[in-house]
Amino acid sequence: MSPKAKTKALKVTLIKSVIGYKENQKRTVRALGLRRMNQSVIHPDRPEIRGMIRTVEHLVAVEEVESNETA
């Protein structure tokens, strides 16, 4: 892979509060790196991340983006 190869990534944004939801959902949102409303993080498009998103799909918005991978 060349140093400037484009890879798929997922931009995850917390759009709904975790207050009142199950503890495992709160922990999943936290594990995704989200701490407050409207905060966005970018993760690589991997099955593990997609599974975490599926657990809290009612709390987050997801969009596909391209990222530069320099590894």
PDB file of N, CA and C in Angstrom:
ATOM      1  N   MET A   1       0.828  -1.174   0.000  1.00  0.00           N
ATOM      2  CA  MET A   1       0.000   0.000   0.000  1.00  0.00           C
ATOM      3  C   MET A   1       0.879   1.247   0.000  1.00  0.00           C
ATOM      4  N   SER A   2       0.552   2.186  -0.803  1.00  0.00           N
ATOM      5  CA  SER A   2       1.346   3.409  -0.856  1.00  0.00           C
ATOM      6  C   SER A   2       1.076   4.267   0.382  1.00  0.00           C
ATOM      7  N   PRO A   3       2.008   5.163   0.742  1.00  0.00           N
ATOM      8  CA  PRO A   3       1.836   5.965   1.952  1.00  0.00           C
ATOM      9  C   PRO A   3       0.597   6.860   1.936  1.00  0.00           C
ATOM     10  N   LYS A   4       0.088   7.205   0.760  1.00  0.00           N
ATOM     11  CA  LYS A   4      -1.069   8.089   0.703  1.00  0.00           C
ATOM     12  C   LYS A   4      -2.321   7.352   0.230  1.00  0.00           C
ATOM     13  N   ALA A   5      -2.452   6.087   0.630  1.00  0.00           N
ATOM     14  CA  ALA A   5      -3.604   5.295   0.223  1.00  0.00           C
ATOM     15  C   ALA A   5      -4.858   5.760   0.958  1.00  0.00           C
ATOM     16  N   LYS A   6      -5.959   5.791   0.234  1.00  0.00           N
ATOM     17  CA  LYS A   6      -7.237   6.172   0.829  1.00  0.00           C
ATOM     18  C   LYS A   6      -7.932   4.910   1.332  1.00  0.00           C
ATOM     19  N   THR A   7      -8.463   4.977   2.542  1.00  0.00           N
ATOM     20  CA  THR A   7      -9.214   3.868   3.097  1.00  0.00           C
ATOM     21  C   THR A   7     -10.566   4.379   3.574  1.00  0.00           C
ATOM     22  N   LYS A   8     -11.500   3.476   3.723  1.00  0.00           N
ATOM     23  CA  LYS A   8     -12.817   3.858   4.212  1.00  0.00           C
ATOM     24  C   LYS A   8     -12.763   4.039   5.716  1.00  0.00           C
ATOM     25  N   ALA A   9     -13.523   5.007   6.177  1.00  0.00           N
ATOM     26  CA  ALA A   9     -13.636   5.248   7.606  1.00  0.00           C
ATOM     27  C   ALA A   9     -15.079   5.633   7.899  1.00  0.00           C
ATOM     28  N   LEU A  10     -15.442   5.577   9.171  1.00  0.00           N
ATOM     29  CA  LEU A  10     -16.791   5.916   9.599  1.00  0.00           C
ATOM     30  C   LEU A  10     -16.735   7.110  10.542  1.00  0.00           C
ATOM     31  N   LYS A  11     -17.518   8.115  10.251  1.00  0.00           N
ATOM     32  CA  LYS A  11     -17.644   9.269  11.140  1.00  0.00           C
ATOM     33  C   LYS A  11     -18.894   9.044  11.983  1.00  0.00           C
ATOM     34  N   VAL A  12     -18.697   8.922  13.299  1.00  0.00           N
ATOM     35  CA  VAL A  12     -19.784   8.621  14.216  1.00  0.00           C
ATOM     36  C   VAL A  12     -20.050   9.858  15.067  1.00  0.00           C
ATOM     37  N   THR A  13     -21.318  10.287  15.122  1.00  0.00           N
ATOM     38  CA  THR A  13     -21.706  11.471  15.876  1.00  0.00           C
ATOM     39  C   THR A  13     -22.790  11.090  16.877  1.00  0.00           C
ATOM     40  N   LEU A  14     -22.609  11.495  18.134  1.00  0.00           N
ATOM     41  CA  LEU A  14     -23.620  11.241  19.164  1.00  0.00           C
ATOM     42  C   LEU A  14     -24.734  12.267  19.003  1.00  0.00           C
ATOM     43  N   ILE A  15     -25.946  11.806  18.682  1.00  0.00           N
ATOM     44  CA  ILE A  15     -27.047  12.734  18.439  1.00  0.00           C
ATOM     45  C   ILE A  15     -28.134  12.673  19.515  1.00  0.00           C
ATOM     46  N   LYS A  16     -28.032  11.708  20.410  1.00  0.00           N
ATOM     47  CA  LYS A  16     -29.029  11.564  21.462  1.00  0.00           C
ATOM     48  C   LYS A  16     -28.329  11.196  22.760  1.00  0.00           C
ATOM     49  N   SER A  17     -28.824  11.713  23.867  1.00  0.00           N
ATOM     50  CA  SER A  17     -28.214  11.477  25.167  1.00  0.00           C
ATOM     51  C   SER A  17     -28.350  10.018  25.588  1.00  0.00           C
ATOM     52  N   VAL A  18     -27.371   9.536  26.335  1.00  0.00           N
ATOM     53  CA  VAL A  18     -27.414   8.158  26.827  1.00  0.00           C
ATOM     54  C   VAL A  18     -28.150   8.045  28.160  1.00  0.00           C
ATOM     55  N   ILE A  19     -28.602   9.148  28.698  1.00  0.00           N
ATOM     56  CA  ILE A  19     -29.331   9.131  29.967  1.00  0.00           C
ATOM     57  C   ILE A  19     -30.604   8.311  29.795  1.00  0.00           C
ATOM     58  N   GLY A  20     -30.808   7.371  30.705  1.00  0.00           N
ATOM     59  CA  GLY A  20     -32.009   6.549  30.670  1.00  0.00           C
ATOM     60  C   GLY A  20     -31.869   5.271  29.862  1.00  0.00           C
ATOM     61  N   TYR A  21     -30.701   5.036  29.265  1.00  0.00           N
ATOM     62  CA  TYR A  21     -30.480   3.816  28.493  1.00  0.00           C
ATOM     63  C   TYR A  21     -29.660   2.824  29.313  1.00  0.00           C
ATOM     64  N   LYS A  22     -29.618   1.593  28.839  1.00  0.00           N
ATOM     65  CA  LYS A  22     -28.932   0.527  29.562  1.00  0.00           C
ATOM     66  C   LYS A  22     -27.440   0.821  29.705  1.00  0.00           C
ATOM     67  N   GLU A  23     -26.866   0.246  30.743  1.00  0.00           N
ATOM     68  CA  GLU A  23     -25.447   0.465  31.051  1.00  0.00           C
ATOM     69  C   GLU A  23     -24.544   0.004  29.914  1.00  0.00           C
ATOM     70  N   ASN A  24     -24.887  -1.116  29.258  1.00  0.00           N
ATOM     71  CA  ASN A  24     -24.023  -1.588  28.171  1.00  0.00           C
ATOM     72  C   ASN A  24     -24.027  -0.609  26.997  1.00  0.00           C
ATOM     73  N   GLN A  25     -25.123   0.087  26.780  1.00  0.00           N
ATOM     74  CA  GLN A  25     -25.171   1.076  25.713  1.00  0.00           C
ATOM     75  C   GLN A  25     -24.347   2.306  26.082  1.00  0.00           C
ATOM     76  N   LYS A  26     -24.386   2.694  27.341  1.00  0.00           N
ATOM     77  CA  LYS A  26     -23.565   3.819  27.805  1.00  0.00           C
ATOM     78  C   LYS A  26     -22.086   3.493  27.635  1.00  0.00           C
ATOM     79  N   ARG A  27     -21.714   2.265  27.990  1.00  0.00           N
ATOM     80  CA  ARG A  27     -20.314   1.855  27.863  1.00  0.00           C
ATOM     81  C   ARG A  27     -19.883   1.775  26.402  1.00  0.00           C
ATOM     82  N   THR A  28     -20.779   1.356  25.522  1.00  0.00           N
ATOM     83  CA  THR A  28     -20.455   1.267  24.099  1.00  0.00           C
ATOM     84  C   THR A  28     -20.210   2.650  23.516  1.00  0.00           C
ATOM     85  N   VAL A  29     -21.064   3.616  23.868  1.00  0.00           N
ATOM     86  CA  VAL A  29     -20.881   4.989  23.391  1.00  0.00           C
ATOM     87  C   VAL A  29     -19.543   5.517  23.885  1.00  0.00           C
ATOM     88  N   ARG A  30     -19.222   5.252  25.130  1.00  0.00           N
ATOM     89  CA  ARG A  30     -17.953   5.704  25.706  1.00  0.00           C
ATOM     90  C   ARG A  30     -16.761   5.032  25.007  1.00  0.00           C
ATOM     91  N   ALA A  31     -16.902   3.734  24.707  1.00  0.00           N
ATOM     92  CA  ALA A  31     -15.828   2.994  24.034  1.00  0.00           C
ATOM     93  C   ALA A  31     -15.604   3.500  22.610  1.00  0.00           C
ATOM     94  N   LEU A  32     -16.639   4.042  22.004  1.00  0.00           N
ATOM     95  CA  LEU A  32     -16.491   4.635  20.674  1.00  0.00           C
ATOM     96  C   LEU A  32     -15.767   5.981  20.742  1.00  0.00           C
ATOM     97  N   GLY A  33     -15.565   6.492  21.956  1.00  0.00           N
ATOM     98  CA  GLY A  33     -14.841   7.748  22.112  1.00  0.00           C
ATOM     99  C   GLY A  33     -15.747   8.964  22.183  1.00  0.00           C
ATOM    100  N   LEU A  34     -17.028   8.737  22.396  1.00  0.00           N
ATOM    101  CA  LEU A  34     -17.986   9.845  22.452  1.00  0.00           C
ATOM    102  C   LEU A  34     -18.291  10.199  23.901  1.00  0.00           C
ATOM    103  N   ARG A  35     -18.174  11.482  24.220  1.00  0.00           N
ATOM    104  CA  ARG A  35     -18.418  11.933  25.579  1.00  0.00           C
ATOM    105  C   ARG A  35     -19.601  12.876  25.693  1.00  0.00           C
ATOM    106  N   ARG A  36     -19.834  13.695  24.664  1.00  0.00           N
ATOM    107  CA  ARG A  36     -20.923  14.667  24.765  1.00  0.00           C
ATOM    108  C   ARG A  36     -21.701  14.762  23.465  1.00  0.00           C
ATOM    109  N   MET A  37     -22.850  15.376  23.548  1.00  0.00           N
ATOM    110  CA  MET A  37     -23.753  15.507  22.406  1.00  0.00           C
ATOM    111  C   MET A  37     -23.070  16.234  21.253  1.00  0.00           C
ATOM    112  N   ASN A  38     -23.374  15.808  20.042  1.00  0.00           N
ATOM    113  CA  ASN A  38     -22.861  16.386  18.794  1.00  0.00           C
ATOM    114  C   ASN A  38     -21.358  16.246  18.610  1.00  0.00           C
ATOM    115  N   GLN A  39     -20.718  15.457  19.430  1.00  0.00           N
ATOM    116  CA  GLN A  39     -19.298  15.183  19.257  1.00  0.00           C
ATOM    117  C   GLN A  39     -19.149  14.104  18.181  1.00  0.00           C
ATOM    118  N   SER A  40     -18.163  14.240  17.325  1.00  0.00           N
ATOM    119  CA  SER A  40     -17.910  13.275  16.263  1.00  0.00           C
ATOM    120  C   SER A  40     -16.519  12.678  16.405  1.00  0.00           C
ATOM    121  N   VAL A  41     -16.410  11.418  16.049  1.00  0.00           N
ATOM    122  CA  VAL A  41     -15.119  10.733  16.010  1.00  0.00           C
ATOM    123  C   VAL A  41     -15.052   9.937  14.709  1.00  0.00           C
ATOM    124  N   ILE A  42     -13.849   9.669  14.257  1.00  0.00           N
ATOM    125  CA  ILE A  42     -13.660   8.889  13.039  1.00  0.00           C
ATOM    126  C   ILE A  42     -12.963   7.588  13.399  1.00  0.00           C
ATOM    127  N   HIS A  43     -13.566   6.482  12.957  1.00  0.00           N
ATOM    128  CA  HIS A  43     -13.020   5.156  13.207  1.00  0.00           C
ATOM    129  C   HIS A  43     -12.828   4.441  11.874  1.00  0.00           C
ATOM    130  N   PRO A  44     -11.881   3.507  11.810  1.00  0.00           N
ATOM    131  CA  PRO A  44     -11.731   2.707  10.593  1.00  0.00           C
ATOM    132  C   PRO A  44     -12.970   1.843  10.392  1.00  0.00           C
ATOM    133  N   ASP A  45     -13.285   1.553   9.161  1.00  0.00           N
ATOM    134  CA  ASP A  45     -14.458   0.738   8.843  1.00  0.00           C
ATOM    135  C   ASP A  45     -14.088  -0.735   9.033  1.00  0.00           C
ATOM    136  N   ARG A  46     -14.356  -1.227  10.255  1.00  0.00           N
ATOM    137  CA  ARG A  46     -14.047  -2.608  10.611  1.00  0.00           C
ATOM    138  C   ARG A  46     -15.285  -3.265  11.200  1.00  0.00           C
ATOM    139  N   PRO A  47     -15.380  -4.574  11.149  1.00  0.00           N
ATOM    140  CA  PRO A  47     -16.559  -5.263  11.687  1.00  0.00           C
ATOM    141  C   PRO A  47     -16.794  -4.993  13.177  1.00  0.00           C
ATOM    142  N   GLU A  48     -15.728  -4.846  13.948  1.00  0.00           N
ATOM    143  CA  GLU A  48     -15.871  -4.601  15.378  1.00  0.00           C
ATOM    144  C   GLU A  48     -16.553  -3.259  15.631  1.00  0.00           C
ATOM    145  N   ILE A  49     -16.145  -2.256  14.891  1.00  0.00           N
ATOM    146  CA  ILE A  49     -16.727  -0.926  15.037  1.00  0.00           C
ATOM    147  C   ILE A  49     -18.179  -0.938  14.565  1.00  0.00           C
ATOM    148  N   ARG A  50     -18.443  -1.604  13.440  1.00  0.00           N
ATOM    149  CA  ARG A  50     -19.819  -1.692  12.934  1.00  0.00           C
ATOM    150  C   ARG A  50     -20.733  -2.376  13.943  1.00  0.00           C
ATOM    151  N   GLY A  51     -20.228  -3.384  14.645  1.00  0.00           N
ATOM    152  CA  GLY A  51     -21.025  -4.063  15.674  1.00  0.00           C
ATOM    153  C   GLY A  51     -21.340  -3.138  16.842  1.00  0.00           C
ATOM    154  N   MET A  52     -20.360  -2.339  17.238  1.00  0.00           N
ATOM    155  CA  MET A  52     -20.589  -1.380  18.322  1.00  0.00           C
ATOM    156  C   MET A  52     -21.628  -0.345  17.903  1.00  0.00           C
ATOM    157  N   ILE A  53     -21.535   0.103  16.664  1.00  0.00           N
ATOM    158  CA  ILE A  53     -22.493   1.088  16.160  1.00  0.00           C
ATOM    159  C   ILE A  53     -23.889   0.491  16.116  1.00  0.00           C
ATOM    160  N   ARG A  54     -23.994  -0.766  15.719  1.00  0.00           N
ATOM    161  CA  ARG A  54     -25.301  -1.418  15.650  1.00  0.00           C
ATOM    162  C   ARG A  54     -25.950  -1.480  17.038  1.00  0.00           C
ATOM    163  N   THR A  55     -25.144  -1.627  18.083  1.00  0.00           N
ATOM    164  CA  THR A  55     -25.663  -1.680  19.445  1.00  0.00           C
ATOM    165  C   THR A  55     -26.316  -0.363  19.856  1.00  0.00           C
ATOM    166  N   VAL A  56     -25.784   0.757  19.359  1.00  0.00           N
ATOM    167  CA  VAL A  56     -26.293   2.078  19.763  1.00  0.00           C
ATOM    168  C   VAL A  56     -26.777   2.887  18.565  1.00  0.00           C
ATOM    169  N   GLU A  57     -27.291   2.213  17.535  1.00  0.00           N
ATOM    170  CA  GLU A  57     -27.678   2.906  16.305  1.00  0.00           C
ATOM    171  C   GLU A  57     -28.771   3.941  16.515  1.00  0.00           C
ATOM    172  N   HIS A  58     -29.553   3.817  17.582  1.00  0.00           N
ATOM    173  CA  HIS A  58     -30.598   4.787  17.871  1.00  0.00           C
ATOM    174  C   HIS A  58     -30.058   6.050  18.545  1.00  0.00           C
ATOM    175  N   LEU A  59     -28.782   6.033  18.935  1.00  0.00           N
ATOM    176  CA  LEU A  59     -28.170   7.171  19.623  1.00  0.00           C
ATOM    177  C   LEU A  59     -27.168   7.929  18.760  1.00  0.00           C
ATOM    178  N   VAL A  60     -26.735   7.334  17.655  1.00  0.00           N
ATOM    179  CA  VAL A  60     -25.668   7.927  16.853  1.00  0.00           C
ATOM    180  C   VAL A  60     -26.075   8.083  15.392  1.00  0.00           C
ATOM    181  N   ALA A  61     -25.372   8.979  14.712  1.00  0.00           N
ATOM    182  CA  ALA A  61     -25.482   9.126  13.260  1.00  0.00           C
ATOM    183  C   ALA A  61     -24.140   8.706  12.672  1.00  0.00           C
ATOM    184  N   VAL A  62     -24.181   7.995  11.558  1.00  0.00           N
ATOM    185  CA  VAL A  62     -22.964   7.453  10.961  1.00  0.00           C
ATOM    186  C   VAL A  62     -22.902   7.858   9.494  1.00  0.00           C
ATOM    187  N   GLU A  63     -21.715   8.291   9.066  1.00  0.00           N
ATOM    188  CA  GLU A  63     -21.502   8.551   7.645  1.00  0.00           C
ATOM    189  C   GLU A  63     -20.141   8.012   7.248  1.00  0.00           C
ATOM    190  N   GLU A  64     -20.047   7.552   6.003  1.00  0.00           N
ATOM    191  CA  GLU A  64     -18.780   7.028   5.505  1.00  0.00           C
ATOM    192  C   GLU A  64     -17.939   8.170   4.960  1.00  0.00           C
ATOM    193  N   VAL A  65     -16.664   8.158   5.308  1.00  0.00           N
ATOM    194  CA  VAL A  65     -15.728   9.156   4.826  1.00  0.00           C
ATOM    195  C   VAL A  65     -14.462   8.439   4.377  1.00  0.00           C
ATOM    196  N   GLU A  66     -13.615   9.131   3.645  1.00  0.00           N
ATOM    197  CA  GLU A  66     -12.326   8.569   3.274  1.00  0.00           C
ATOM    198  C   GLU A  66     -11.263   9.148   4.195  1.00  0.00           C
ATOM    199  N   SER A  67     -10.350   8.310   4.612  1.00  0.00           N
ATOM    200  CA  SER A  67      -9.284   8.797   5.468  1.00  0.00           C
ATOM    201  C   SER A  67      -7.950   8.442   4.856  1.00  0.00           C
ATOM    202  N   ASN A  68      -6.920   9.190   5.199  1.00  0.00           N
ATOM    203  CA  ASN A  68      -5.567   8.898   4.753  1.00  0.00           C
ATOM    204  C   ASN A  68      -4.908   7.994   5.766  1.00  0.00           C
ATOM    205  N   GLU A  69      -4.462   6.855   5.312  1.00  0.00           N
ATOM    206  CA  GLU A  69      -3.778   5.937   6.203  1.00  0.00           C
ATOM    207  C   GLU A  69      -2.294   5.995   5.901  1.00  0.00           C
ATOM    208  N   THR A  70      -1.481   6.259   6.913  1.00  0.00           N
ATOM    209  CA  THR A  70      -0.040   6.414   6.695  1.00  0.00           C
ATOM    210  C   THR A  70       0.733   5.319   7.399  1.00  0.00           C
ATOM    211  N   ALA A  71       0.335   4.061   7.204  1.00  0.00           N
ATOM    212  CA  ALA A  71       1.032   2.959   7.848  1.00  0.00           C
ATOM    213  C   ALA A  71       1.622   2.016   6.852  1.00  0.00           C
TER     214      ALA A  71
END
